[in-house]
Amino acid sequence: MKGQPGGCIESLEIPTFPAGHFYAVQEKACMDAHVWKEFLRSVLYDDIEECSVVLVDNFESHVSEESINIVNEELGSHLFCTTSKHDVGLSGVGR
């Protein structure tokens, strides 16, 4: 796939890419903080129709203060709980 981070994906390269989906091009294969924030705001926000749970690992961008604020304030979370004994965090999201 051709593309530059932060740029557009050449949709003619793979014509089966459906329009209206969220795509990102990065140097590495893992999701970075920018893509995670865009996913929360542009994908997850639009798909939450009823009470939901967001389970994340301890990847830095998943548990950053900014990510927690997006979940709590923009997605309408009513619950946020973390447990440090096992390095596991739970976040409930509901609208």
N, C-alpha and C. Protein backbone atom coordinates (compact mmCIF):
# COMPACT_ATOMS: atom_id res chain seq x y z
N MET A 1 0.85 -1.17 0.00
CA MET A 1 0.00 0.00 0.00
C MET A 1 0.90 1.23 0.00
N LYS A 2 0.57 2.19 -0.81
CA LYS A 2 1.35 3.42 -0.88
C LYS A 2 0.67 4.51 -0.08
N GLY A 3 1.47 5.30 0.58
CA GLY A 3 0.94 6.41 1.35
C GLY A 3 2.01 6.92 2.30
N GLN A 4 1.82 8.08 2.80
CA GLN A 4 2.74 8.69 3.75
C GLN A 4 2.00 8.93 5.06
N PRO A 5 2.67 8.77 6.20
CA PRO A 5 2.02 9.07 7.48
C PRO A 5 1.42 10.47 7.46
N GLY A 6 0.16 10.56 7.86
CA GLY A 6 -0.53 11.84 7.86
C GLY A 6 -1.11 12.23 6.52
N GLY A 7 -0.83 11.45 5.50
CA GLY A 7 -1.31 11.76 4.16
C GLY A 7 -2.48 10.89 3.75
N CYS A 8 -2.77 10.91 2.48
CA CYS A 8 -3.90 10.14 1.94
C CYS A 8 -3.41 8.78 1.45
N ILE A 9 -4.31 7.82 1.46
CA ILE A 9 -4.03 6.51 0.88
C ILE A 9 -4.50 6.55 -0.56
N GLU A 10 -3.69 6.02 -1.47
CA GLU A 10 -4.07 6.00 -2.87
C GLU A 10 -5.16 4.96 -3.07
N SER A 11 -6.40 5.41 -3.12
CA SER A 11 -7.54 4.49 -3.17
C SER A 11 -7.60 3.69 -4.47
N LEU A 12 -6.98 4.16 -5.52
CA LEU A 12 -6.99 3.41 -6.78
C LEU A 12 -6.09 2.19 -6.72
N GLU A 13 -5.13 2.22 -5.77
CA GLU A 13 -4.21 1.09 -5.64
C GLU A 13 -4.97 -0.18 -5.24
N ILE A 14 -5.88 -0.04 -4.30
CA ILE A 14 -6.71 -1.16 -3.86
C ILE A 14 -8.16 -0.70 -3.94
N PRO A 15 -8.82 -0.91 -5.08
CA PRO A 15 -10.17 -0.37 -5.28
C PRO A 15 -11.22 -0.97 -4.37
N THR A 16 -10.86 -2.03 -3.62
CA THR A 16 -11.84 -2.63 -2.73
C THR A 16 -11.93 -1.91 -1.39
N PHE A 17 -11.10 -0.89 -1.16
CA PHE A 17 -11.20 -0.12 0.08
C PHE A 17 -12.53 0.62 0.07
N PRO A 18 -13.44 0.30 0.97
CA PRO A 18 -14.74 0.99 0.98
C PRO A 18 -14.60 2.45 1.41
N ALA A 19 -15.36 3.31 0.78
CA ALA A 19 -15.39 4.72 1.18
C ALA A 19 -16.08 4.82 2.54
N GLY A 20 -15.70 5.83 3.31
CA GLY A 20 -16.34 6.05 4.59
C GLY A 20 -15.70 5.30 5.74
N HIS A 21 -14.67 4.51 5.48
CA HIS A 21 -13.96 3.82 6.55
C HIS A 21 -12.79 4.66 7.01
N PHE A 22 -12.23 4.32 8.15
CA PHE A 22 -11.10 5.05 8.73
C PHE A 22 -9.83 4.27 8.43
N TYR A 23 -8.90 4.89 7.72
CA TYR A 23 -7.63 4.27 7.38
C TYR A 23 -6.51 5.18 7.86
N ALA A 24 -5.39 4.58 8.26
CA ALA A 24 -4.22 5.35 8.67
C ALA A 24 -2.96 4.67 8.16
N VAL A 25 -1.99 5.47 7.75
CA VAL A 25 -0.70 4.96 7.30
C VAL A 25 0.34 5.43 8.30
N GLN A 26 1.19 4.51 8.74
CA GLN A 26 2.21 4.83 9.72
C GLN A 26 3.53 4.20 9.34
N GLU A 27 4.60 4.68 9.96
CA GLU A 27 5.93 4.10 9.75
C GLU A 27 5.96 2.67 10.28
N LYS A 28 5.38 2.46 11.47
CA LYS A 28 5.36 1.14 12.10
C LYS A 28 3.94 0.60 12.05
N ALA A 29 3.80 -0.68 12.28
CA ALA A 29 2.48 -1.31 12.20
C ALA A 29 1.61 -1.06 13.42
N CYS A 30 2.20 -0.63 14.52
CA CYS A 30 1.39 -0.45 15.74
C CYS A 30 0.64 0.88 15.72
N MET A 31 -0.43 0.93 16.48
CA MET A 31 -1.25 2.14 16.58
C MET A 31 -0.55 3.14 17.51
N ASP A 32 -0.27 4.33 17.02
CA ASP A 32 0.36 5.34 17.87
C ASP A 32 -0.71 6.21 18.51
N ALA A 33 -0.28 7.18 19.32
CA ALA A 33 -1.22 8.04 20.06
C ALA A 33 -2.14 8.81 19.12
N HIS A 34 -1.62 9.29 18.00
CA HIS A 34 -2.44 10.07 17.06
C HIS A 34 -3.58 9.21 16.49
N VAL A 35 -3.24 8.01 16.04
CA VAL A 35 -4.25 7.13 15.46
C VAL A 35 -5.25 6.68 16.53
N TRP A 36 -4.80 6.42 17.75
CA TRP A 36 -5.70 6.03 18.84
C TRP A 36 -6.71 7.14 19.12
N LYS A 37 -6.24 8.38 19.19
CA LYS A 37 -7.16 9.51 19.44
C LYS A 37 -8.16 9.65 18.29
N GLU A 38 -7.69 9.50 17.05
CA GLU A 38 -8.60 9.59 15.91
C GLU A 38 -9.61 8.45 15.93
N PHE A 39 -9.15 7.25 16.34
CA PHE A 39 -10.07 6.12 16.44
C PHE A 39 -11.16 6.41 17.47
N LEU A 40 -10.77 6.90 18.64
CA LEU A 40 -11.75 7.21 19.69
C LEU A 40 -12.77 8.24 19.20
N ARG A 41 -12.27 9.30 18.57
CA ARG A 41 -13.14 10.42 18.18
C ARG A 41 -13.91 10.15 16.89
N SER A 42 -13.31 9.49 15.93
CA SER A 42 -13.92 9.36 14.60
C SER A 42 -14.60 8.02 14.35
N VAL A 43 -14.22 6.99 15.08
CA VAL A 43 -14.80 5.67 14.84
C VAL A 43 -15.65 5.24 16.03
N LEU A 44 -15.03 5.12 17.19
CA LEU A 44 -15.74 4.61 18.36
C LEU A 44 -16.90 5.51 18.75
N TYR A 45 -16.68 6.81 18.75
CA TYR A 45 -17.73 7.76 19.15
C TYR A 45 -19.00 7.56 18.33
N ASP A 46 -18.86 7.40 17.04
CA ASP A 46 -20.02 7.24 16.16
C ASP A 46 -20.70 5.88 16.29
N ASP A 47 -19.98 4.88 16.79
CA ASP A 47 -20.53 3.53 16.86
C ASP A 47 -21.15 3.17 18.20
N ILE A 48 -20.96 3.98 19.23
CA ILE A 48 -21.53 3.67 20.54
C ILE A 48 -23.01 4.02 20.51
N GLU A 49 -23.85 3.00 20.63
CA GLU A 49 -25.30 3.21 20.62
C GLU A 49 -25.93 2.96 21.98
N GLU A 50 -25.27 2.21 22.82
CA GLU A 50 -25.79 1.91 24.15
C GLU A 50 -24.59 1.71 25.07
N CYS A 51 -24.85 1.39 26.32
CA CYS A 51 -23.75 1.22 27.27
C CYS A 51 -22.74 0.22 26.72
N SER A 52 -21.48 0.59 26.80
CA SER A 52 -20.40 -0.22 26.25
C SER A 52 -19.23 -0.21 27.21
N VAL A 53 -18.30 -1.10 26.99
CA VAL A 53 -17.09 -1.18 27.80
C VAL A 53 -15.90 -1.08 26.86
N VAL A 54 -14.93 -0.24 27.23
CA VAL A 54 -13.69 -0.13 26.47
C VAL A 54 -12.60 -0.80 27.31
N LEU A 55 -12.05 -1.88 26.81
CA LEU A 55 -10.96 -2.58 27.48
C LEU A 55 -9.68 -2.27 26.74
N VAL A 56 -8.67 -1.81 27.45
CA VAL A 56 -7.40 -1.48 26.82
C VAL A 56 -6.26 -2.13 27.58
N ASP A 57 -5.15 -2.31 26.88
CA ASP A 57 -3.95 -2.79 27.55
C ASP A 57 -3.21 -1.59 28.12
N ASN A 58 -2.00 -1.79 28.59
CA ASN A 58 -1.26 -0.69 29.21
C ASN A 58 -0.35 0.03 28.23
N PHE A 59 -0.63 -0.07 26.92
CA PHE A 59 0.11 0.70 25.93
C PHE A 59 -0.01 2.18 26.27
N GLU A 60 1.09 2.90 26.22
CA GLU A 60 1.14 4.27 26.71
C GLU A 60 0.02 5.17 26.19
N SER A 61 -0.26 5.11 24.90
CA SER A 61 -1.30 6.00 24.37
C SER A 61 -2.69 5.58 24.82
N HIS A 62 -2.90 4.32 25.17
CA HIS A 62 -4.21 3.87 25.64
C HIS A 62 -4.53 4.39 27.04
N VAL A 63 -3.51 4.54 27.86
CA VAL A 63 -3.73 4.92 29.26
C VAL A 63 -3.22 6.33 29.57
N SER A 64 -2.92 7.10 28.55
CA SER A 64 -2.44 8.46 28.78
C SER A 64 -3.57 9.32 29.35
N GLU A 65 -3.19 10.41 29.99
CA GLU A 65 -4.19 11.32 30.55
C GLU A 65 -5.11 11.85 29.45
N GLU A 66 -4.55 12.14 28.28
CA GLU A 66 -5.36 12.64 27.17
C GLU A 66 -6.38 11.60 26.71
N SER A 67 -5.96 10.34 26.61
CA SER A 67 -6.87 9.27 26.22
C SER A 67 -7.99 9.09 27.25
N ILE A 68 -7.64 9.11 28.51
CA ILE A 68 -8.64 8.99 29.58
C ILE A 68 -9.62 10.15 29.52
N ASN A 69 -9.12 11.36 29.26
CA ASN A 69 -10.01 12.52 29.14
C ASN A 69 -10.97 12.39 27.96
N ILE A 70 -10.48 11.88 26.83
CA ILE A 70 -11.36 11.69 25.67
C ILE A 70 -12.47 10.71 26.03
N VAL A 71 -12.11 9.59 26.65
CA VAL A 71 -13.11 8.59 27.01
C VAL A 71 -14.09 9.16 28.03
N ASN A 72 -13.58 9.83 29.05
CA ASN A 72 -14.45 10.36 30.11
C ASN A 72 -15.33 11.51 29.65
N GLU A 73 -14.76 12.46 28.92
CA GLU A 73 -15.47 13.69 28.60
C GLU A 73 -16.18 13.65 27.24
N GLU A 74 -15.49 13.20 26.21
CA GLU A 74 -16.07 13.24 24.86
C GLU A 74 -16.97 12.05 24.57
N LEU A 75 -16.63 10.88 25.09
CA LEU A 75 -17.44 9.70 24.82
C LEU A 75 -18.53 9.51 25.88
N GLY A 76 -18.52 10.31 26.91
CA GLY A 76 -19.58 10.26 27.91
C GLY A 76 -19.45 9.13 28.90
N SER A 77 -18.23 8.83 29.34
CA SER A 77 -18.03 7.75 30.30
C SER A 77 -18.64 8.10 31.65
N HIS A 78 -19.19 7.09 32.28
CA HIS A 78 -19.74 7.26 33.62
C HIS A 78 -18.93 6.50 34.65
N LEU A 79 -17.89 5.83 34.21
CA LEU A 79 -17.11 5.00 35.11
C LEU A 79 -15.69 4.92 34.59
N PHE A 80 -14.73 5.00 35.48
CA PHE A 80 -13.35 4.72 35.11
C PHE A 80 -12.69 4.06 36.29
N CYS A 81 -12.12 2.90 36.09
CA CYS A 81 -11.52 2.15 37.17
C CYS A 81 -10.23 1.52 36.67
N THR A 82 -9.19 1.61 37.47
CA THR A 82 -7.96 0.92 37.13
C THR A 82 -7.52 0.09 38.31
N THR A 83 -6.83 -0.98 38.04
CA THR A 83 -6.23 -1.79 39.09
C THR A 83 -4.76 -1.88 38.79
N SER A 84 -3.93 -1.47 39.71
CA SER A 84 -2.50 -1.44 39.47
C SER A 84 -1.81 -2.76 39.79
N LYS A 85 -2.43 -3.63 40.59
CA LYS A 85 -1.78 -4.89 40.96
C LYS A 85 -1.42 -5.73 39.73
N HIS A 86 -2.29 -5.73 38.75
CA HIS A 86 -2.07 -6.56 37.57
C HIS A 86 -1.82 -5.72 36.32
N ASP A 87 -1.65 -4.42 36.51
CA ASP A 87 -1.46 -3.51 35.37
C ASP A 87 -2.59 -3.66 34.36
N VAL A 88 -3.79 -3.74 34.85
CA VAL A 88 -4.97 -3.87 33.99
C VAL A 88 -5.87 -2.69 34.28
N GLY A 89 -6.42 -2.09 33.24
CA GLY A 89 -7.36 -0.99 33.43
C GLY A 89 -8.69 -1.30 32.78
N LEU A 90 -9.75 -0.82 33.38
CA LEU A 90 -11.09 -0.98 32.83
C LEU A 90 -11.73 0.38 32.70
N SER A 91 -12.43 0.59 31.64
CA SER A 91 -13.14 1.85 31.46
C SER A 91 -14.50 1.56 30.88
N GLY A 92 -15.53 2.02 31.54
CA GLY A 92 -16.89 1.87 31.03
C GLY A 92 -17.28 3.10 30.26
N VAL A 93 -17.85 2.92 29.11
CA VAL A 93 -18.25 4.04 28.27
C VAL A 93 -19.74 3.92 28.02
N GLY A 94 -20.46 4.99 28.25
CA GLY A 94 -21.88 4.98 27.95
C GLY A 94 -22.36 6.36 27.61
N ARG A 95 -23.40 6.42 26.83
CA ARG A 95 -23.99 7.71 26.49
C ARG A 95 -25.38 7.74 27.02
